[in-house]
Amino acid sequence: MSFYRGMTCENVTLTGHGGTPITAYVAKPSGPGPFPGVVLIHHLPGWSEFYIETTRRLAHHGYMAICANLYERAGQGNPDDVAAAVRADGGIPDAQMVGDTAAAVQWMRAQPENNGKVGLFGSCSGGRHAVIYAAQKQDVDACVDLWGGRVVMGPEELNAKTPVAPIDMTKDLKCPLLGIFGNDDRAPSPEQVNQHEAELKKLGKNYEFHRYDGAGHGIFYWHRPLYRVDQAMDGWSKVFAFFGKHLAK
């Protein structure tokens, strides 16, 4: 980009799953558009600074972006404390996540500046959630899964909150999928990534997976020891190339 684009940022209120109001952070590039849209699905550390900054990063690159607070029902305090409460409760139900994310997708599609295309971006639990949403709702045009764990699940891991393994929803995936993984990760492990890829191949899905040596979980997390500079730079270039191909008109 040869210039620095202005943007506007604000919180909006969405009508989430079950009619519950939830807050979402929005970043819009300045200008009339039209702009492709990205819905960010935050990770288990919650509606965190990393996700708010990443929402702005996408706007800097010419995308309208929105990130809903999927943990708002658990409290309004420090994101770390709220996330700890959610983790202690076994996470949020997949169905609740789908309902809340659907509200963000609908909000994006209703914006006059949107170009009619909407993608998903999620990491860690958010990557898993993005895969679930893309398969169940089929109203997004591209999906980015960054090291989403528990896409492959054993029967003993299924419960009322997570009743179906995401890999078993692969047949219903209609949009292109980008996956970025570290080969030192254990959740998902390289073997689980292989299983997911084999299922995508078997069903003839449009996907691309990129795997990085010398990296584990959380490759992009600049604020943690997990960060890997070279792999993150290459991974971000893959994300923007993927969104550019599938969301830009």
C-alpha atoms as a PDB file:
ATOM      1  CA  MET A   1       0.000   0.000   0.000  1.00  0.00           C
ATOM      2  CA  SER A   2       1.496   3.328  -1.077  1.00  0.00           C
ATOM      3  CA  PHE A   3      -0.432   5.454   1.418  1.00  0.00           C
ATOM      4  CA  TYR A   4      -1.820   5.172   4.916  1.00  0.00           C
ATOM      5  CA  ARG A   5      -5.577   4.933   4.907  1.00  0.00           C
ATOM      6  CA  GLY A   6      -7.713   6.643   7.507  1.00  0.00           C
ATOM      7  CA  MET A   7     -10.318   4.637   9.361  1.00  0.00           C
ATOM      8  CA  THR A   8     -13.144   4.970  11.834  1.00  0.00           C
ATOM      9  CA  CYS A   9     -13.558   2.620  14.794  1.00  0.00           C
ATOM     10  CA  GLU A  10     -16.512   2.177  17.120  1.00  0.00           C
ATOM     11  CA  ASN A  11     -18.481  -0.290  19.189  1.00  0.00           C
ATOM     12  CA  VAL A  12     -21.865  -1.429  17.906  1.00  0.00           C
ATOM     13  CA  THR A  13     -24.545  -3.553  19.559  1.00  0.00           C
ATOM     14  CA  LEU A  14     -25.716  -6.722  17.827  1.00  0.00           C
ATOM     15  CA  THR A  15     -28.676  -8.946  18.612  1.00  0.00           C
ATOM     16  CA  GLY A  16     -26.878 -12.186  19.326  1.00  0.00           C
ATOM     17  CA  HIS A  17     -27.931 -15.766  19.927  1.00  0.00           C
ATOM     18  CA  GLY A  18     -31.266 -16.030  21.713  1.00  0.00           C
ATOM     19  CA  GLY A  19     -31.910 -12.306  21.277  1.00  0.00           C
ATOM     20  CA  THR A  20     -29.130 -11.334  23.708  1.00  0.00           C
ATOM     21  CA  PRO A  21     -27.481  -7.962  22.980  1.00  0.00           C
ATOM     22  CA  ILE A  22     -23.718  -8.260  22.503  1.00  0.00           C
ATOM     23  CA  THR A  23     -21.059  -5.672  21.748  1.00  0.00           C
ATOM     24  CA  ALA A  24     -18.870  -5.765  18.647  1.00  0.00           C
ATOM     25  CA  TYR A  25     -15.865  -3.671  17.673  1.00  0.00           C
ATOM     26  CA  VAL A  26     -15.905  -2.289  14.131  1.00  0.00           C
ATOM     27  CA  ALA A  27     -13.151  -0.741  12.020  1.00  0.00           C
ATOM     28  CA  LYS A  28     -14.022   0.807   8.645  1.00  0.00           C
ATOM     29  CA  PRO A  29     -11.599   2.233   6.100  1.00  0.00           C
ATOM     30  CA  SER A  30     -12.298   5.838   5.216  1.00  0.00           C
ATOM     31  CA  GLY A  31     -13.947   6.517   1.879  1.00  0.00           C
ATOM     32  CA  PRO A  32     -17.129   5.380   0.163  1.00  0.00           C
ATOM     33  CA  GLY A  33     -16.007   1.840  -0.640  1.00  0.00           C
ATOM     34  CA  PRO A  34     -17.197  -0.648  -1.590  1.00  0.00           C
ATOM     35  CA  PHE A  35     -15.076  -2.707   0.800  1.00  0.00           C
ATOM     36  CA  PRO A  36     -14.958  -6.461   1.360  1.00  0.00           C
ATOM     37  CA  GLY A  37     -15.960  -7.498   4.871  1.00  0.00           C
ATOM     38  CA  VAL A  38     -14.223  -9.677   7.444  1.00  0.00           C
ATOM     39  CA  VAL A  39     -15.819 -11.062  10.603  1.00  0.00           C
ATOM     40  CA  LEU A  40     -13.216 -11.928  13.250  1.00  0.00           C
ATOM     41  CA  ILE A  41     -13.963 -14.737  15.720  1.00  0.00           C
ATOM     42  CA  HIS A  42     -11.778 -14.220  18.773  1.00  0.00           C
ATOM     43  CA  HIS A  43      -9.783 -16.884  20.566  1.00  0.00           C
ATOM     44  CA  LEU A  44     -10.147 -18.347  24.057  1.00  0.00           C
ATOM     45  CA  PRO A  45      -8.173 -15.484  25.655  1.00  0.00           C
ATOM     46  CA  GLY A  46     -11.299 -13.579  24.756  1.00  0.00           C
ATOM     47  CA  TRP A  47     -12.197 -10.225  23.198  1.00  0.00           C
ATOM     48  CA  SER A  48      -8.590  -9.238  23.674  1.00  0.00           C
ATOM     49  CA  GLU A  49      -6.293  -6.425  22.633  1.00  0.00           C
ATOM     50  CA  PHE A  50      -4.792  -8.684  19.962  1.00  0.00           C
ATOM     51  CA  TYR A  51      -8.191  -9.105  18.312  1.00  0.00           C
ATOM     52  CA  ILE A  52      -9.110  -5.432  18.562  1.00  0.00           C
ATOM     53  CA  GLU A  53      -5.783  -4.470  16.973  1.00  0.00           C
ATOM     54  CA  THR A  54      -6.215  -7.144  14.292  1.00  0.00           C
ATOM     55  CA  THR A  55      -9.638  -5.693  13.461  1.00  0.00           C
ATOM     56  CA  ARG A  56      -7.922  -2.353  12.812  1.00  0.00           C
ATOM     57  CA  ARG A  57      -5.158  -4.076  10.860  1.00  0.00           C
ATOM     58  CA  LEU A  58      -7.706  -5.488   8.441  1.00  0.00           C
ATOM     59  CA  ALA A  59      -9.265  -2.044   8.012  1.00  0.00           C
ATOM     60  CA  HIS A  60      -5.816  -0.640   7.251  1.00  0.00           C
ATOM     61  CA  HIS A  61      -5.603  -3.192   4.436  1.00  0.00           C
ATOM     62  CA  GLY A  62      -8.932  -2.105   2.976  1.00  0.00           C
ATOM     63  CA  TYR A  63     -11.440  -4.403   4.680  1.00  0.00           C
ATOM     64  CA  MET A  64     -14.441  -3.498   6.785  1.00  0.00           C
ATOM     65  CA  ALA A  65     -13.950  -5.592   9.900  1.00  0.00           C
ATOM     66  CA  ILE A  66     -16.057  -6.540  12.904  1.00  0.00           C
ATOM     67  CA  CYS A  67     -15.226  -8.592  15.999  1.00  0.00           C
ATOM     68  CA  ALA A  68     -18.081  -9.507  18.343  1.00  0.00           C
ATOM     69  CA  ASN A  69     -17.539 -10.155  22.050  1.00  0.00           C
ATOM     70  CA  LEU A  70     -18.587 -13.812  22.248  1.00  0.00           C
ATOM     71  CA  TYR A  71     -17.893 -13.875  26.002  1.00  0.00           C
ATOM     72  CA  GLU A  72     -19.992 -10.867  26.977  1.00  0.00           C
ATOM     73  CA  ARG A  73     -22.547 -13.038  28.762  1.00  0.00           C
ATOM     74  CA  ALA A  74     -19.779 -14.104  31.182  1.00  0.00           C
ATOM     75  CA  GLY A  75     -19.060 -10.546  32.316  1.00  0.00           C
ATOM     76  CA  GLN A  76     -17.905  -7.074  31.315  1.00  0.00           C
ATOM     77  CA  GLY A  77     -14.553  -6.892  33.081  1.00  0.00           C
ATOM     78  CA  ASN A  78     -10.942  -7.473  32.148  1.00  0.00           C
ATOM     79  CA  PRO A  79     -10.823  -9.807  29.095  1.00  0.00           C
ATOM     80  CA  ASP A  80      -8.370 -12.132  30.870  1.00  0.00           C
ATOM     81  CA  ASP A  81     -10.706 -12.539  33.853  1.00  0.00           C
ATOM     82  CA  VAL A  82     -13.752 -13.054  31.656  1.00  0.00           C
ATOM     83  CA  ALA A  83     -11.903 -15.611  29.533  1.00  0.00           C
ATOM     84  CA  ALA A  84     -10.782 -17.455  32.673  1.00  0.00           C
ATOM     85  CA  ALA A  85     -14.414 -17.741  33.760  1.00  0.00           C
ATOM     86  CA  VAL A  86     -15.412 -19.024  30.317  1.00  0.00           C
ATOM     87  CA  ARG A  87     -12.560 -21.547  30.315  1.00  0.00           C
ATOM     88  CA  ALA A  88     -13.506 -22.761  33.788  1.00  0.00           C
ATOM     89  CA  ASP A  89     -17.060 -23.288  32.536  1.00  0.00           C
ATOM     90  CA  GLY A  90     -15.870 -25.463  29.663  1.00  0.00           C
ATOM     91  CA  GLY A  91     -16.097 -22.826  26.949  1.00  0.00           C
ATOM     92  CA  ILE A  92     -19.158 -21.493  25.167  1.00  0.00           C
ATOM     93  CA  PRO A  93     -21.668 -23.660  23.293  1.00  0.00           C
ATOM     94  CA  ASP A  94     -20.994 -24.005  19.589  1.00  0.00           C
ATOM     95  CA  ALA A  95     -24.622 -23.101  18.851  1.00  0.00           C
ATOM     96  CA  GLN A  96     -24.305 -19.836  20.803  1.00  0.00           C
ATOM     97  CA  MET A  97     -21.148 -18.955  18.882  1.00  0.00           C
ATOM     98  CA  VAL A  98     -22.912 -19.613  15.579  1.00  0.00           C
ATOM     99  CA  GLY A  99     -25.830 -17.378  16.572  1.00  0.00           C
ATOM    100  CA  ASP A 100     -23.595 -14.530  17.686  1.00  0.00           C
ATOM    101  CA  THR A 101     -21.373 -14.792  14.611  1.00  0.00           C
ATOM    102  CA  ALA A 102     -24.420 -14.847  12.348  1.00  0.00           C
ATOM    103  CA  ALA A 103     -25.412 -11.491  13.829  1.00  0.00           C
ATOM    104  CA  ALA A 104     -21.986 -10.068  12.915  1.00  0.00           C
ATOM    105  CA  VAL A 105     -22.206 -11.478   9.365  1.00  0.00           C
ATOM    106  CA  GLN A 106     -25.689 -10.034   8.932  1.00  0.00           C
ATOM    107  CA  TRP A 107     -24.531  -6.654  10.246  1.00  0.00           C
ATOM    108  CA  MET A 108     -21.685  -6.646   7.731  1.00  0.00           C
ATOM    109  CA  ARG A 109     -23.899  -7.570   4.792  1.00  0.00           C
ATOM    110  CA  ALA A 110     -26.323  -4.776   5.730  1.00  0.00           C
ATOM    111  CA  GLN A 111     -23.640  -2.066   5.461  1.00  0.00           C
ATOM    112  CA  PRO A 112     -23.953   0.037   2.290  1.00  0.00           C
ATOM    113  CA  GLU A 113     -20.142   0.151   1.981  1.00  0.00           C
ATOM    114  CA  ASN A 114     -19.826  -3.659   1.852  1.00  0.00           C
ATOM    115  CA  ASN A 115     -19.062  -5.102  -1.579  1.00  0.00           C
ATOM    116  CA  GLY A 116     -21.280  -8.140  -1.021  1.00  0.00           C
ATOM    117  CA  LYS A 117     -18.442 -10.387   0.144  1.00  0.00           C
ATOM    118  CA  VAL A 118     -17.747 -11.466   3.732  1.00  0.00           C
ATOM    119  CA  GLY A 119     -14.918 -13.635   5.061  1.00  0.00           C
ATOM    120  CA  LEU A 120     -14.214 -15.213   8.451  1.00  0.00           C
ATOM    121  CA  PHE A 121     -10.951 -14.983  10.408  1.00  0.00           C
ATOM    122  CA  GLY A 122     -10.318 -16.947  13.583  1.00  0.00           C
ATOM    123  CA  SER A 123      -7.397 -18.379  15.550  1.00  0.00           C
ATOM    124  CA  CYS A 124      -7.140 -21.084  18.188  1.00  0.00           C
ATOM    125  CA  SER A 125     -10.714 -21.750  19.392  1.00  0.00           C
ATOM    126  CA  GLY A 126     -11.792 -19.015  16.967  1.00  0.00           C
ATOM    127  CA  GLY A 127     -10.284 -20.991  14.093  1.00  0.00           C
ATOM    128  CA  ARG A 128     -12.315 -24.013  15.139  1.00  0.00           C
ATOM    129  CA  HIS A 129     -15.380 -21.804  15.440  1.00  0.00           C
ATOM    130  CA  ALA A 130     -14.794 -20.322  11.976  1.00  0.00           C
ATOM    131  CA  VAL A 131     -14.716 -23.818  10.453  1.00  0.00           C
ATOM    132  CA  ILE A 132     -17.975 -24.712  12.223  1.00  0.00           C
ATOM    133  CA  TYR A 133     -19.702 -21.500  11.181  1.00  0.00           C
ATOM    134  CA  ALA A 134     -18.631 -21.757   7.531  1.00  0.00           C
ATOM    135  CA  ALA A 135     -19.989 -25.303   7.309  1.00  0.00           C
ATOM    136  CA  GLN A 136     -23.243 -24.684   9.180  1.00  0.00           C
ATOM    137  CA  LYS A 137     -24.362 -21.320   7.847  1.00  0.00           C
ATOM    138  CA  GLN A 138     -22.881 -21.230   4.327  1.00  0.00           C
ATOM    139  CA  ASP A 139     -23.328 -17.439   4.111  1.00  0.00           C
ATOM    140  CA  VAL A 140     -19.638 -16.468   3.970  1.00  0.00           C
ATOM    141  CA  ASP A 141     -17.316 -16.331   0.970  1.00  0.00           C
ATOM    142  CA  ALA A 142     -13.995 -17.373   2.532  1.00  0.00           C
ATOM    143  CA  CYS A 143     -12.769 -18.785   5.850  1.00  0.00           C
ATOM    144  CA  VAL A 144      -9.367 -18.466   7.553  1.00  0.00           C
ATOM    145  CA  ASP A 145      -8.542 -21.007  10.266  1.00  0.00           C
ATOM    146  CA  LEU A 146      -5.356 -20.195  12.184  1.00  0.00           C
ATOM    147  CA  TRP A 147      -4.237 -23.283  14.155  1.00  0.00           C
ATOM    148  CA  GLY A 148      -7.760 -24.152  15.275  1.00  0.00           C
ATOM    149  CA  GLY A 149      -7.684 -27.041  17.743  1.00  0.00           C
ATOM    150  CA  ARG A 150     -10.373 -29.658  18.292  1.00  0.00           C
ATOM    151  CA  VAL A 151     -11.458 -29.730  14.651  1.00  0.00           C
ATOM    152  CA  VAL A 152     -10.663 -33.432  14.951  1.00  0.00           C
ATOM    153  CA  MET A 153     -12.322 -34.698  18.148  1.00  0.00           C
ATOM    154  CA  GLY A 154     -12.627 -38.104  19.781  1.00  0.00           C
ATOM    155  CA  PRO A 155     -16.050 -39.345  20.961  1.00  0.00           C
ATOM    156  CA  GLU A 156     -15.008 -38.703  24.561  1.00  0.00           C
ATOM    157  CA  GLU A 157     -14.590 -34.971  23.786  1.00  0.00           C
ATOM    158  CA  LEU A 158     -18.138 -34.461  22.528  1.00  0.00           C
ATOM    159  CA  ASN A 159     -20.735 -33.009  24.883  1.00  0.00           C
ATOM    160  CA  ALA A 160     -23.804 -30.782  24.948  1.00  0.00           C
ATOM    161  CA  LYS A 161     -21.725 -27.677  24.179  1.00  0.00           C
ATOM    162  CA  THR A 162     -19.700 -29.331  21.422  1.00  0.00           C
ATOM    163  CA  PRO A 163     -21.996 -32.058  20.088  1.00  0.00           C
ATOM    164  CA  VAL A 164     -20.392 -32.598  16.666  1.00  0.00           C
ATOM    165  CA  ALA A 165     -16.728 -32.640  15.667  1.00  0.00           C
ATOM    166  CA  PRO A 166     -16.027 -29.902  13.091  1.00  0.00           C
ATOM    167  CA  ILE A 167     -14.298 -32.405  10.794  1.00  0.00           C
ATOM    168  CA  ASP A 168     -17.631 -34.216  10.493  1.00  0.00           C
ATOM    169  CA  MET A 169     -19.176 -31.021   9.069  1.00  0.00           C
ATOM    170  CA  THR A 170     -16.677 -30.894   6.177  1.00  0.00           C
ATOM    171  CA  LYS A 171     -19.225 -32.154   3.651  1.00  0.00           C
ATOM    172  CA  ASP A 172     -21.284 -28.985   4.200  1.00  0.00           C
ATOM    173  CA  LEU A 173     -18.386 -26.531   3.669  1.00  0.00           C
ATOM    174  CA  LYS A 174     -19.080 -24.438   0.573  1.00  0.00           C
ATOM    175  CA  CYS A 175     -16.528 -21.596   0.740  1.00  0.00           C
ATOM    176  CA  PRO A 176     -12.740 -21.728   0.269  1.00  0.00           C
ATOM    177  CA  LEU A 177     -10.762 -22.497   3.435  1.00  0.00           C
ATOM    178  CA  LEU A 178      -7.250 -21.311   4.361  1.00  0.00           C
ATOM    179  CA  GLY A 179      -5.451 -23.115   7.178  1.00  0.00           C
ATOM    180  CA  ILE A 180      -2.185 -22.016   8.826  1.00  0.00           C
ATOM    181  CA  PHE A 181      -0.474 -24.346  11.286  1.00  0.00           C
ATOM    182  CA  GLY A 182       2.764 -24.809  13.201  1.00  0.00           C
ATOM    183  CA  ASN A 183       4.364 -28.228  12.959  1.00  0.00           C
ATOM    184  CA  ASP A 184       5.339 -28.125  16.651  1.00  0.00           C
ATOM    185  CA  ASP A 185       1.725 -27.595  17.746  1.00  0.00           C
ATOM    186  CA  ARG A 186      -0.130 -30.279  19.690  1.00  0.00           C
ATOM    187  CA  ALA A 187      -3.618 -28.748  19.413  1.00  0.00           C
ATOM    188  CA  PRO A 188      -3.963 -29.295  16.545  1.00  0.00           C
ATOM    189  CA  SER A 189      -1.170 -31.807  16.108  1.00  0.00           C
ATOM    190  CA  PRO A 190       0.319 -32.380  12.644  1.00  0.00           C
ATOM    191  CA  GLU A 191      -1.504 -35.712  12.614  1.00  0.00           C
ATOM    192  CA  GLN A 192      -4.842 -33.987  13.214  1.00  0.00           C
ATOM    193  CA  VAL A 193      -4.087 -31.431  10.483  1.00  0.00           C
ATOM    194  CA  ASN A 194      -3.366 -34.384   8.179  1.00  0.00           C
ATOM    195  CA  GLN A 195      -6.735 -35.913   9.045  1.00  0.00           C
ATOM    196  CA  HIS A 196      -8.535 -32.644   8.347  1.00  0.00           C
ATOM    197  CA  GLU A 197      -6.714 -32.205   5.048  1.00  0.00           C
ATOM    198  CA  ALA A 198      -7.487 -35.788   4.000  1.00  0.00           C
ATOM    199  CA  GLU A 199     -11.195 -35.171   4.614  1.00  0.00           C
ATOM    200  CA  LEU A 200     -11.134 -31.912   2.635  1.00  0.00           C
ATOM    201  CA  LYS A 201      -9.357 -33.679  -0.243  1.00  0.00           C
ATOM    202  CA  LYS A 202     -11.690 -36.655  -0.193  1.00  0.00           C
ATOM    203  CA  LEU A 203     -14.727 -34.382  -0.457  1.00  0.00           C
ATOM    204  CA  GLY A 204     -13.185 -32.173  -3.158  1.00  0.00           C
ATOM    205  CA  LYS A 205     -13.234 -28.960  -1.120  1.00  0.00           C
ATOM    206  CA  ASN A 206     -11.480 -25.729  -2.104  1.00  0.00           C
ATOM    207  CA  TYR A 207      -8.756 -25.299   0.498  1.00  0.00           C
ATOM    208  CA  GLU A 208      -5.103 -24.443   1.039  1.00  0.00           C
ATOM    209  CA  PHE A 209      -3.097 -25.443   4.109  1.00  0.00           C
ATOM    210  CA  HIS A 210       0.292 -23.965   5.024  1.00  0.00           C
ATOM    211  CA  ARG A 211       2.450 -25.557   7.712  1.00  0.00           C
ATOM    212  CA  TYR A 212       5.489 -24.016   9.338  1.00  0.00           C
ATOM    213  CA  ASP A 213       8.516 -25.722  10.833  1.00  0.00           C
ATOM    214  CA  GLY A 214       9.999 -24.166  13.952  1.00  0.00           C
ATOM    215  CA  ALA A 215       6.575 -22.914  15.080  1.00  0.00           C
ATOM    216  CA  GLY A 216       3.885 -24.189  17.392  1.00  0.00           C
ATOM    217  CA  HIS A 217       0.610 -22.636  18.483  1.00  0.00           C
ATOM    218  CA  GLY A 218      -0.080 -18.917  18.220  1.00  0.00           C
ATOM    219  CA  ILE A 219       2.427 -18.017  15.500  1.00  0.00           C
ATOM    220  CA  PHE A 220       0.967 -14.496  15.031  1.00  0.00           C
ATOM    221  CA  TYR A 221       0.744 -13.580  18.738  1.00  0.00           C
ATOM    222  CA  TRP A 222       3.352 -10.816  18.876  1.00  0.00           C
ATOM    223  CA  HIS A 223       2.736 -10.302  22.617  1.00  0.00           C
ATOM    224  CA  ARG A 224       3.666 -13.871  23.593  1.00  0.00           C
ATOM    225  CA  PRO A 225       6.737 -16.122  23.444  1.00  0.00           C
ATOM    226  CA  LEU A 226       4.782 -18.183  20.893  1.00  0.00           C
ATOM    227  CA  TYR A 227       5.456 -15.486  18.265  1.00  0.00           C
ATOM    228  CA  ARG A 228       7.566 -16.496  15.267  1.00  0.00           C
ATOM    229  CA  VAL A 229       8.593 -13.508  13.167  1.00  0.00           C
ATOM    230  CA  ASP A 230       9.409 -15.142   9.828  1.00  0.00           C
ATOM    231  CA  GLN A 231       6.499 -17.557   9.929  1.00  0.00           C
ATOM    232  CA  ALA A 232       4.088 -14.802  10.979  1.00  0.00           C
ATOM    233  CA  MET A 233       5.182 -12.503   8.168  1.00  0.00           C
ATOM    234  CA  ASP A 234       4.746 -15.266   5.611  1.00  0.00           C
ATOM    235  CA  GLY A 235       1.451 -16.343   7.184  1.00  0.00           C
ATOM    236  CA  TRP A 236       0.014 -12.843   7.035  1.00  0.00           C
ATOM    237  CA  SER A 237       0.981 -12.606   3.375  1.00  0.00           C
ATOM    238  CA  LYS A 238      -0.967 -15.843   2.814  1.00  0.00           C
ATOM    239  CA  VAL A 239      -4.012 -14.425   4.635  1.00  0.00           C
ATOM    240  CA  PHE A 240      -4.084 -11.230   2.603  1.00  0.00           C
ATOM    241  CA  ALA A 241      -3.504 -13.079  -0.692  1.00  0.00           C
ATOM    242  CA  PHE A 242      -6.369 -15.456   0.163  1.00  0.00           C
ATOM    243  CA  PHE A 243      -8.802 -12.687   1.135  1.00  0.00           C
ATOM    244  CA  GLY A 244      -7.711 -10.646  -1.877  1.00  0.00           C
ATOM    245  CA  LYS A 245      -8.511 -13.552  -4.178  1.00  0.00           C
ATOM    246  CA  HIS A 246     -11.880 -14.506  -2.696  1.00  0.00           C
ATOM    247  CA  LEU A 247     -13.341 -11.278  -1.272  1.00  0.00           C
ATOM    248  CA  ALA A 248     -12.230  -8.481  -3.585  1.00  0.00           C
ATOM    249  CA  LYS A 249     -14.499  -7.894  -6.582  1.00  0.00           C
END
